[in-house]
Amino acid sequence: MNITTIQKQSRVPVTILELAGKLDGSNHKQLTDEATKLYLNGRRDLLIDLSELTFLSSAGLAAIHQTALIFCGQPIPEEESGWASYHAIDRDRDGGAQIHVKLLSPQPAVADILEMASFDSLFEIHTNLEAALASF
């Protein structure tokens, strides 16, 4: 997977992470490491562009969830890695959509996985960049 980072100014500064390729068990930590680095450098609003992501596994879903936790200011304990983190998603569903992490333009196969995992209730999913930026 390739990650490209772009900064955009809306009402607030928004960081866009463009993900390309496959997000799975072999590289999911790359996303959480990048999210941690951005958060520690003062970034607080994140748009994850999924338009070039061709595959998303359960480990990838867990990495997106962990990214949201990072941007909520919550440290990710070691025991939250892997399946424990994936199952922890259920406890966060009642909190509504994330306000600091949003998703952009998932390809149909990735959108199906997000919907099956009910990530459409955890994240705002936008299909238009300008509308996504304006939502922050």
C-alpha atoms as a PDB file:
ATOM      1  CA  MET A   1       0.000   0.000   0.000  1.00  0.00           C
ATOM      2  CA  ASN A   2       1.145   3.511  -0.764  1.00  0.00           C
ATOM      3  CA  ILE A   3       0.177   6.457   1.447  1.00  0.00           C
ATOM      4  CA  THR A   4       0.335  10.030   0.199  1.00  0.00           C
ATOM      5  CA  THR A   5      -0.216  12.899   2.631  1.00  0.00           C
ATOM      6  CA  ILE A   6      -1.716  16.196   1.478  1.00  0.00           C
ATOM      7  CA  GLN A   7      -2.623  19.271   3.536  1.00  0.00           C
ATOM      8  CA  LYS A   8      -5.716  21.304   2.616  1.00  0.00           C
ATOM      9  CA  GLN A   9      -7.210  24.360   4.233  1.00  0.00           C
ATOM     10  CA  SER A  10     -10.946  24.434   4.838  1.00  0.00           C
ATOM     11  CA  ARG A  11     -12.521  26.117   7.853  1.00  0.00           C
ATOM     12  CA  VAL A  12      -9.799  24.169   9.656  1.00  0.00           C
ATOM     13  CA  PRO A  13      -6.619  22.535   8.353  1.00  0.00           C
ATOM     14  CA  VAL A  14      -7.427  19.056   7.017  1.00  0.00           C
ATOM     15  CA  THR A  15      -4.905  16.333   6.329  1.00  0.00           C
ATOM     16  CA  ILE A  16      -5.772  13.981   3.489  1.00  0.00           C
ATOM     17  CA  LEU A  17      -4.299  10.498   3.472  1.00  0.00           C
ATOM     18  CA  GLU A  18      -4.560   8.970   0.016  1.00  0.00           C
ATOM     19  CA  LEU A  19      -4.368   5.185   0.271  1.00  0.00           C
ATOM     20  CA  ALA A  20      -3.524   3.184  -2.855  1.00  0.00           C
ATOM     21  CA  GLY A  21      -3.375  -0.579  -3.247  1.00  0.00           C
ATOM     22  CA  LYS A  22      -4.392  -3.064  -0.568  1.00  0.00           C
ATOM     23  CA  LEU A  23      -4.870  -2.398   3.152  1.00  0.00           C
ATOM     24  CA  ASP A  24      -4.509  -5.733   4.915  1.00  0.00           C
ATOM     25  CA  GLY A  25      -2.631  -7.631   7.600  1.00  0.00           C
ATOM     26  CA  SER A  26       0.698  -7.139   5.860  1.00  0.00           C
ATOM     27  CA  ASN A  27       0.629  -3.334   6.045  1.00  0.00           C
ATOM     28  CA  HIS A  28      -2.127  -2.139   8.403  1.00  0.00           C
ATOM     29  CA  LYS A  29       0.445  -0.819  10.885  1.00  0.00           C
ATOM     30  CA  GLN A  30       1.704   1.569   8.210  1.00  0.00           C
ATOM     31  CA  LEU A  31      -1.628   3.437   8.435  1.00  0.00           C
ATOM     32  CA  THR A  32      -1.704   3.617  12.230  1.00  0.00           C
ATOM     33  CA  ASP A  33       1.947   4.672  12.359  1.00  0.00           C
ATOM     34  CA  GLU A  34       1.262   7.499   9.893  1.00  0.00           C
ATOM     35  CA  ALA A  35      -1.847   8.542  11.849  1.00  0.00           C
ATOM     36  CA  THR A  36       0.132   8.602  15.096  1.00  0.00           C
ATOM     37  CA  LYS A  37       2.873  10.703  13.509  1.00  0.00           C
ATOM     38  CA  LEU A  38       0.338  13.194  12.132  1.00  0.00           C
ATOM     39  CA  TYR A  39      -1.505  13.463  15.445  1.00  0.00           C
ATOM     40  CA  LEU A  40       1.720  13.987  17.382  1.00  0.00           C
ATOM     41  CA  ASN A  41       2.620  16.750  14.896  1.00  0.00           C
ATOM     42  CA  GLY A  42      -0.597  18.609  15.751  1.00  0.00           C
ATOM     43  CA  ARG A  43      -2.941  17.451  13.005  1.00  0.00           C
ATOM     44  CA  ARG A  44      -6.489  17.026  14.279  1.00  0.00           C
ATOM     45  CA  ASP A  45      -8.742  16.532  11.238  1.00  0.00           C
ATOM     46  CA  LEU A  46      -8.188  13.677   8.813  1.00  0.00           C
ATOM     47  CA  LEU A  47      -9.805  12.684   5.540  1.00  0.00           C
ATOM     48  CA  ILE A  48      -8.881   9.186   4.362  1.00  0.00           C
ATOM     49  CA  ASP A  49      -9.138   9.031   0.567  1.00  0.00           C
ATOM     50  CA  LEU A  50     -10.019   5.463  -0.431  1.00  0.00           C
ATOM     51  CA  SER A  51     -10.491   6.113  -4.155  1.00  0.00           C
ATOM     52  CA  GLU A  52      -7.342   4.145  -5.053  1.00  0.00           C
ATOM     53  CA  LEU A  53      -7.717   1.435  -2.399  1.00  0.00           C
ATOM     54  CA  THR A  54      -8.539  -1.849  -4.152  1.00  0.00           C
ATOM     55  CA  PHE A  55      -8.827  -4.201  -1.162  1.00  0.00           C
ATOM     56  CA  LEU A  56      -9.694  -3.835   2.534  1.00  0.00           C
ATOM     57  CA  SER A  57      -9.340  -6.723   4.985  1.00  0.00           C
ATOM     58  CA  SER A  58     -10.484  -7.020   8.594  1.00  0.00           C
ATOM     59  CA  ALA A  59      -7.002  -5.872   9.647  1.00  0.00           C
ATOM     60  CA  GLY A  60      -7.503  -2.822   7.426  1.00  0.00           C
ATOM     61  CA  LEU A  61     -10.859  -2.125   9.075  1.00  0.00           C
ATOM     62  CA  ALA A  62      -9.173  -2.361  12.473  1.00  0.00           C
ATOM     63  CA  ALA A  63      -6.454   0.064  11.300  1.00  0.00           C
ATOM     64  CA  ILE A  64      -9.052   2.618  10.175  1.00  0.00           C
ATOM     65  CA  HIS A  65     -10.806   2.262  13.537  1.00  0.00           C
ATOM     66  CA  GLN A  66      -7.512   2.661  15.404  1.00  0.00           C
ATOM     67  CA  THR A  67      -6.794   5.766  13.334  1.00  0.00           C
ATOM     68  CA  ALA A  68     -10.086   7.249  14.498  1.00  0.00           C
ATOM     69  CA  LEU A  69      -9.177   6.469  18.107  1.00  0.00           C
ATOM     70  CA  ILE A  70      -5.803   8.158  17.655  1.00  0.00           C
ATOM     71  CA  PHE A  71      -7.496  11.284  16.295  1.00  0.00           C
ATOM     72  CA  CYS A  72      -9.839  11.260  19.298  1.00  0.00           C
ATOM     73  CA  GLY A  73      -6.724  11.500  21.464  1.00  0.00           C
ATOM     74  CA  GLN A  74      -6.950   7.944  22.748  1.00  0.00           C
ATOM     75  CA  PRO A  75      -3.738   5.939  22.974  1.00  0.00           C
ATOM     76  CA  ILE A  76      -3.944   2.480  21.457  1.00  0.00           C
ATOM     77  CA  PRO A  77      -2.801  -0.075  24.043  1.00  0.00           C
ATOM     78  CA  GLU A  78      -0.968  -3.164  22.780  1.00  0.00           C
ATOM     79  CA  GLU A  79      -3.945  -5.395  23.592  1.00  0.00           C
ATOM     80  CA  GLU A  80      -6.047  -3.326  21.158  1.00  0.00           C
ATOM     81  CA  SER A  81      -4.133  -4.672  18.190  1.00  0.00           C
ATOM     82  CA  GLY A  82      -5.500  -7.329  15.867  1.00  0.00           C
ATOM     83  CA  TRP A  83      -8.816  -9.018  16.556  1.00  0.00           C
ATOM     84  CA  ALA A  84      -9.297  -7.312  19.926  1.00  0.00           C
ATOM     85  CA  SER A  85      -9.319  -3.963  18.149  1.00  0.00           C
ATOM     86  CA  TYR A  86     -11.645  -5.250  15.448  1.00  0.00           C
ATOM     87  CA  HIS A  87     -14.136  -6.482  18.047  1.00  0.00           C
ATOM     88  CA  ALA A  88     -13.830  -3.188  19.976  1.00  0.00           C
ATOM     89  CA  ILE A  89     -15.468  -1.446  17.023  1.00  0.00           C
ATOM     90  CA  ASP A  90     -18.854  -2.622  18.281  1.00  0.00           C
ATOM     91  CA  ARG A  91     -18.502  -0.694  21.533  1.00  0.00           C
ATOM     92  CA  ASP A  92     -17.916   2.534  19.572  1.00  0.00           C
ATOM     93  CA  ARG A  93     -20.962   2.257  17.280  1.00  0.00           C
ATOM     94  CA  ASP A  94     -23.284   3.930  19.773  1.00  0.00           C
ATOM     95  CA  GLY A  95     -21.106   7.051  19.812  1.00  0.00           C
ATOM     96  CA  GLY A  96     -22.169   8.040  16.291  1.00  0.00           C
ATOM     97  CA  ALA A  97     -19.987   9.170  13.422  1.00  0.00           C
ATOM     98  CA  GLN A  98     -16.444  10.336  14.018  1.00  0.00           C
ATOM     99  CA  ILE A  99     -16.033  14.091  13.776  1.00  0.00           C
ATOM    100  CA  HIS A 100     -12.270  14.209  13.208  1.00  0.00           C
ATOM    101  CA  VAL A 101     -11.835  11.321  10.753  1.00  0.00           C
ATOM    102  CA  LYS A 102     -13.914  10.955   7.596  1.00  0.00           C
ATOM    103  CA  LEU A 103     -13.701   8.727   4.532  1.00  0.00           C
ATOM    104  CA  LEU A 104     -13.690   9.728   0.869  1.00  0.00           C
ATOM    105  CA  SER A 105     -14.702   7.924  -2.322  1.00  0.00           C
ATOM    106  CA  PRO A 106     -14.290   4.238  -1.596  1.00  0.00           C
ATOM    107  CA  GLN A 107     -14.329   1.995  -4.664  1.00  0.00           C
ATOM    108  CA  PRO A 108     -17.458  -0.218  -4.852  1.00  0.00           C
ATOM    109  CA  ALA A 109     -15.770  -3.335  -3.438  1.00  0.00           C
ATOM    110  CA  VAL A 110     -14.298  -1.348  -0.534  1.00  0.00           C
ATOM    111  CA  ALA A 111     -17.615   0.466   0.020  1.00  0.00           C
ATOM    112  CA  ASP A 112     -19.339  -2.921   0.308  1.00  0.00           C
ATOM    113  CA  ILE A 113     -16.882  -4.013   3.004  1.00  0.00           C
ATOM    114  CA  LEU A 114     -17.332  -0.733   4.897  1.00  0.00           C
ATOM    115  CA  GLU A 115     -21.106  -1.174   4.771  1.00  0.00           C
ATOM    116  CA  MET A 116     -20.967  -4.832   5.836  1.00  0.00           C
ATOM    117  CA  ALA A 117     -18.854  -3.821   8.836  1.00  0.00           C
ATOM    118  CA  SER A 118     -21.297  -0.945   9.582  1.00  0.00           C
ATOM    119  CA  PHE A 119     -18.517   1.618   9.172  1.00  0.00           C
ATOM    120  CA  ASP A 120     -21.084   3.828   7.463  1.00  0.00           C
ATOM    121  CA  SER A 121     -22.505   4.389  10.974  1.00  0.00           C
ATOM    122  CA  LEU A 122     -19.046   5.118  12.444  1.00  0.00           C
ATOM    123  CA  PHE A 123     -17.754   7.439   9.717  1.00  0.00           C
ATOM    124  CA  GLU A 124     -19.105  10.036   7.361  1.00  0.00           C
ATOM    125  CA  ILE A 125     -18.389   8.710   3.884  1.00  0.00           C
ATOM    126  CA  HIS A 126     -18.190  11.368   1.193  1.00  0.00           C
ATOM    127  CA  THR A 127     -18.006  11.052  -2.586  1.00  0.00           C
ATOM    128  CA  ASN A 128     -16.992  14.662  -3.265  1.00  0.00           C
ATOM    129  CA  LEU A 129     -13.728  16.191  -2.035  1.00  0.00           C
ATOM    130  CA  GLU A 130     -15.072  19.745  -1.654  1.00  0.00           C
ATOM    131  CA  ALA A 131     -18.090  18.552   0.338  1.00  0.00           C
ATOM    132  CA  ALA A 132     -15.844  16.378   2.495  1.00  0.00           C
ATOM    133  CA  LEU A 133     -13.522  19.282   3.272  1.00  0.00           C
ATOM    134  CA  ALA A 134     -16.460  21.571   4.033  1.00  0.00           C
ATOM    135  CA  SER A 135     -17.811  19.016   6.517  1.00  0.00           C
ATOM    136  CA  PHE A 136     -14.943  19.604   8.960  1.00  0.00           C
END
